[in-house]
């Protein structure tokens, strides 16, 4: 009963299936696999083909969500695998850019702390209530801006032009902190919701004594 209540109150969409082997999840796994040749191509300075594969990775992020909704195959596995695949692609490319292109290391450190805190709270939430929270809009905007900043940074490096990548990166950082706060508040509400319900339903011991 509680699981249905908390999902309806805080989570935007129920799972349609408990299966891991859905087409949407396979697209998410493919995104992780494609990270290897993408990074390798940039290491070899074959950046045009690297951008092509990176573009496929970005496009696949839309495809897996579309397939999950269209085929009614939204799964709890997908809710975890989809953002995990995004993080694998992002971290691999950012680390490459830090080493090769003087990309600021601090944004990776902050993003890692952000994701770790969300993961720990999300894991506690799942163990306690078997609920997996969905992504919020600010988080999606952050990923989009970070991707755009990364692409512009790559083009500035290889084409030796100024495309204002640093300004887009600052906008991404702003959305990163905003989405971090929203995730923490959202998951905290989900964690404390059951305790509130229990307190409201718990009988007053004083009533029994008066009787």
Protein backbone atom coordinates (compact mmCIF):
# COMPACT_ATOMS: atom_id res chain seq x y z
CA UNK A 1 0.00 0.00 0.00
CA UNK A 2 2.73 2.47 1.01
CA UNK A 3 4.82 1.76 -2.09
CA UNK A 4 1.86 2.66 -4.35
CA UNK A 5 1.21 5.82 -2.34
CA UNK A 6 4.76 7.10 -2.36
CA UNK A 7 5.24 6.36 -6.05
CA UNK A 8 2.04 8.22 -6.94
CA UNK A 9 3.05 11.16 -4.75
CA UNK A 10 6.71 11.57 -5.71
CA UNK A 11 7.64 9.50 -8.79
CA UNK A 12 6.45 10.57 -12.21
CA UNK A 13 6.10 7.13 -13.82
CA UNK A 14 5.53 3.55 -12.71
CA UNK A 15 7.57 0.64 -14.08
CA UNK A 16 5.86 -1.37 -16.83
CA UNK A 17 8.07 -4.45 -16.57
CA UNK A 18 10.53 -6.14 -14.23
CA UNK A 19 12.61 -7.52 -17.13
CA UNK A 20 16.16 -6.31 -17.67
CA UNK A 21 16.33 -7.51 -21.29
CA UNK A 22 14.30 -4.76 -22.93
CA UNK A 23 15.21 -3.00 -26.18
CA UNK A 24 15.55 0.31 -24.33
CA UNK A 25 18.04 -1.18 -21.86
CA UNK A 26 20.04 -2.69 -24.72
CA UNK A 27 20.36 0.77 -26.26
CA UNK A 28 21.64 2.06 -22.90
CA UNK A 29 24.21 -0.76 -22.79
CA UNK A 30 25.27 0.05 -26.35
CA UNK A 31 25.93 3.63 -25.25
CA UNK A 32 28.38 2.33 -22.63
CA UNK A 33 30.14 0.09 -25.18
CA UNK A 34 30.47 2.94 -27.72
CA UNK A 35 32.34 5.00 -25.14
CA UNK A 36 35.51 2.94 -25.75
CA UNK A 37 35.92 3.63 -29.50
CA UNK A 38 34.84 7.26 -29.04
CA UNK A 39 37.57 7.95 -26.48
CA UNK A 40 40.15 5.98 -28.47
CA UNK A 41 39.44 8.00 -31.62
CA UNK A 42 39.98 11.27 -29.74
CA UNK A 43 43.23 9.93 -28.30
CA UNK A 44 44.36 9.25 -31.88
CA UNK A 45 43.20 12.78 -32.85
CA UNK A 46 40.66 11.34 -35.28
CA UNK A 47 38.20 13.76 -33.73
CA UNK A 48 35.66 13.90 -36.58
CA UNK A 49 34.86 10.19 -36.23
CA UNK A 50 35.04 10.58 -32.48
CA UNK A 51 32.36 13.27 -32.65
CA UNK A 52 30.22 11.04 -34.87
CA UNK A 53 30.25 8.23 -32.31
CA UNK A 54 29.74 10.71 -29.48
CA UNK A 55 26.75 12.06 -31.40
CA UNK A 56 25.34 8.53 -31.62
CA UNK A 57 25.75 8.20 -27.85
CA UNK A 58 23.87 11.45 -27.26
CA UNK A 59 21.11 10.47 -29.69
CA UNK A 60 20.79 7.04 -28.06
CA UNK A 61 20.00 8.78 -24.76
CA UNK A 62 16.79 10.02 -26.37
CA UNK A 63 16.14 6.73 -28.17
CA UNK A 64 16.16 4.50 -25.07
CA UNK A 65 13.65 6.73 -23.29
CA UNK A 66 11.43 6.88 -26.38
CA UNK A 67 11.52 3.09 -26.82
CA UNK A 68 10.74 2.48 -23.16
CA UNK A 69 7.65 4.69 -23.31
CA UNK A 70 6.52 3.66 -26.80
CA UNK A 71 6.80 -0.08 -26.10
CA UNK A 72 5.49 0.25 -22.53
CA UNK A 73 8.77 -1.20 -21.27
CA UNK A 74 9.78 1.28 -18.58
CA UNK A 75 11.69 -0.76 -15.99
CA UNK A 76 13.37 -0.12 -12.66
CA UNK A 77 16.57 -1.43 -14.27
CA UNK A 78 16.26 1.21 -16.96
CA UNK A 79 15.78 3.97 -14.40
CA UNK A 80 19.23 3.07 -13.06
CA UNK A 81 20.97 1.97 -16.27
CA UNK A 82 20.04 5.01 -18.36
CA UNK A 83 21.63 7.64 -16.08
CA UNK A 84 24.54 5.29 -15.35
CA UNK A 85 25.28 5.03 -19.09
CA UNK A 86 25.16 8.83 -19.32
CA UNK A 87 27.68 9.10 -16.50
CA UNK A 88 30.05 6.58 -18.11
CA UNK A 89 30.11 8.52 -21.38
CA UNK A 90 30.42 11.89 -19.63
CA UNK A 91 33.17 10.88 -17.20
CA UNK A 92 35.22 9.09 -19.86
CA UNK A 93 35.14 12.11 -22.16
CA UNK A 94 35.74 14.62 -19.36
CA UNK A 95 38.75 12.72 -18.04
CA UNK A 96 40.16 12.59 -21.56
CA UNK A 97 39.64 16.34 -21.91
CA UNK A 98 41.24 17.06 -18.52
CA UNK A 99 44.34 15.09 -19.52
CA UNK A 100 44.55 16.23 -23.12
CA UNK A 101 42.77 19.59 -23.38
CA UNK A 102 43.13 21.44 -20.04
CA UNK A 103 39.47 20.94 -19.14
CA UNK A 104 38.86 22.06 -15.49
CA UNK A 105 39.17 19.12 -13.10
CA UNK A 106 36.96 20.70 -10.43
CA UNK A 107 33.76 20.07 -12.34
CA UNK A 108 34.48 16.33 -12.41
CA UNK A 109 35.18 16.32 -8.67
CA UNK A 110 31.96 18.18 -7.85
CA UNK A 111 29.95 16.04 -10.25
CA UNK A 112 31.37 12.88 -8.65
CA UNK A 113 30.42 14.11 -5.15
CA UNK A 114 26.96 15.01 -6.43
CA UNK A 115 26.36 11.64 -8.03
CA UNK A 116 27.78 9.76 -5.04
CA UNK A 117 25.43 11.52 -2.61
CA UNK A 118 22.44 10.89 -4.88
CA UNK A 119 23.44 7.24 -5.24
CA UNK A 120 23.80 6.68 -1.47
CA UNK A 121 20.44 8.28 -0.67
CA UNK A 122 18.79 6.53 -3.62
CA UNK A 123 20.18 3.16 -2.48
CA UNK A 124 18.84 3.74 1.03
CA UNK A 125 15.48 4.71 -0.45
CA UNK A 126 15.34 1.57 -2.55
CA UNK A 127 16.33 -0.73 0.34
CA UNK A 128 13.80 0.87 2.65
CA UNK A 129 10.82 1.34 0.35
CA UNK A 130 11.71 -0.43 -2.97
CA UNK A 131 11.28 2.86 -4.80
CA UNK A 132 13.54 4.32 -7.49
CA UNK A 133 13.21 8.05 -8.11
CA UNK A 134 13.21 9.40 -11.65
CA UNK A 135 15.36 12.16 -13.13
CA UNK A 136 14.30 15.80 -12.76
CA UNK A 137 14.19 18.43 -15.48
CA UNK A 138 17.10 20.43 -14.08
CA UNK A 139 19.26 17.30 -14.17
CA UNK A 140 18.45 16.77 -17.83
CA UNK A 141 19.25 20.43 -18.59
CA UNK A 142 22.56 20.04 -16.74
CA UNK A 143 23.50 16.99 -18.84
CA UNK A 144 22.53 18.83 -22.04
CA UNK A 145 24.58 21.92 -21.16
CA UNK A 146 27.54 19.83 -20.04
CA UNK A 147 27.41 17.89 -23.31
CA UNK A 148 27.22 21.12 -25.30
CA UNK A 149 30.11 22.62 -23.33
CA UNK A 150 32.16 19.47 -23.94
CA UNK A 151 31.53 19.51 -27.69
CA UNK A 152 32.39 23.22 -27.92
CA UNK A 153 35.54 22.58 -25.87
CA UNK A 154 36.56 19.82 -28.29
CA UNK A 155 35.94 22.04 -31.31
CA UNK A 156 37.91 24.91 -29.75
CA UNK A 157 40.83 22.54 -29.15
CA UNK A 158 40.90 21.01 -32.61
CA UNK A 159 39.85 24.06 -34.69
CA UNK A 160 41.68 26.66 -32.57
CA UNK A 161 38.66 28.99 -32.43
CA UNK A 162 36.76 30.62 -29.56
CA UNK A 163 33.23 29.21 -29.25
CA UNK A 164 32.59 30.48 -25.69
CA UNK A 165 32.66 26.96 -24.28
CA UNK A 166 33.67 28.26 -20.84
CA UNK A 167 30.44 30.26 -20.53
CA UNK A 168 28.32 27.26 -21.42
CA UNK A 169 30.33 25.29 -18.86
CA UNK A 170 29.49 27.82 -16.13
CA UNK A 171 25.81 27.54 -17.05
CA UNK A 172 26.12 23.76 -16.79
CA UNK A 173 27.76 24.12 -13.37
CA UNK A 174 24.86 26.28 -12.18
CA UNK A 175 22.35 23.65 -13.29
CA UNK A 176 24.48 20.94 -11.69
CA UNK A 177 24.18 22.58 -8.25
CA UNK A 178 20.48 23.29 -8.78
CA UNK A 179 19.68 19.72 -9.81
CA UNK A 180 21.79 18.42 -6.89
CA UNK A 181 19.65 20.37 -4.43
CA UNK A 182 16.40 19.25 -6.06
CA UNK A 183 17.48 15.59 -6.01
CA UNK A 184 18.41 15.77 -2.33
CA UNK A 185 15.16 17.48 -1.31
CA UNK A 186 13.11 15.09 -3.46
CA UNK A 187 14.72 11.95 -2.03
CA UNK A 188 14.64 13.30 1.53
CA UNK A 189 10.89 13.78 1.22
CA UNK A 190 10.52 10.23 -0.04
CA UNK A 191 12.60 8.87 2.85
CA UNK A 192 10.67 10.76 5.51
CA UNK A 193 7.20 10.31 4.01
CA UNK A 194 6.63 6.89 5.60
CA UNK A 195 7.71 8.10 9.05
CA UNK A 196 5.18 10.92 8.80
CA UNK A 197 2.41 8.49 7.86
CA UNK A 198 3.33 6.23 10.79
CA UNK A 199 3.22 9.11 13.25
CA UNK A 200 -0.18 10.19 11.98
CA UNK A 201 -1.60 6.66 12.23
CA UNK A 202 -0.03 5.76 15.62
CA UNK A 203 -2.70 5.75 18.38
CA UNK A 204 -2.31 8.10 21.31
CA UNK A 205 -1.21 6.03 24.37
CA UNK A 206 -2.97 8.51 26.66
CA UNK A 207 -6.35 7.46 25.28
CA UNK A 208 -5.88 3.89 26.52
CA UNK A 209 -4.92 5.10 30.00
CA UNK A 210 -8.00 7.30 30.29
CA UNK A 211 -10.22 4.38 29.33
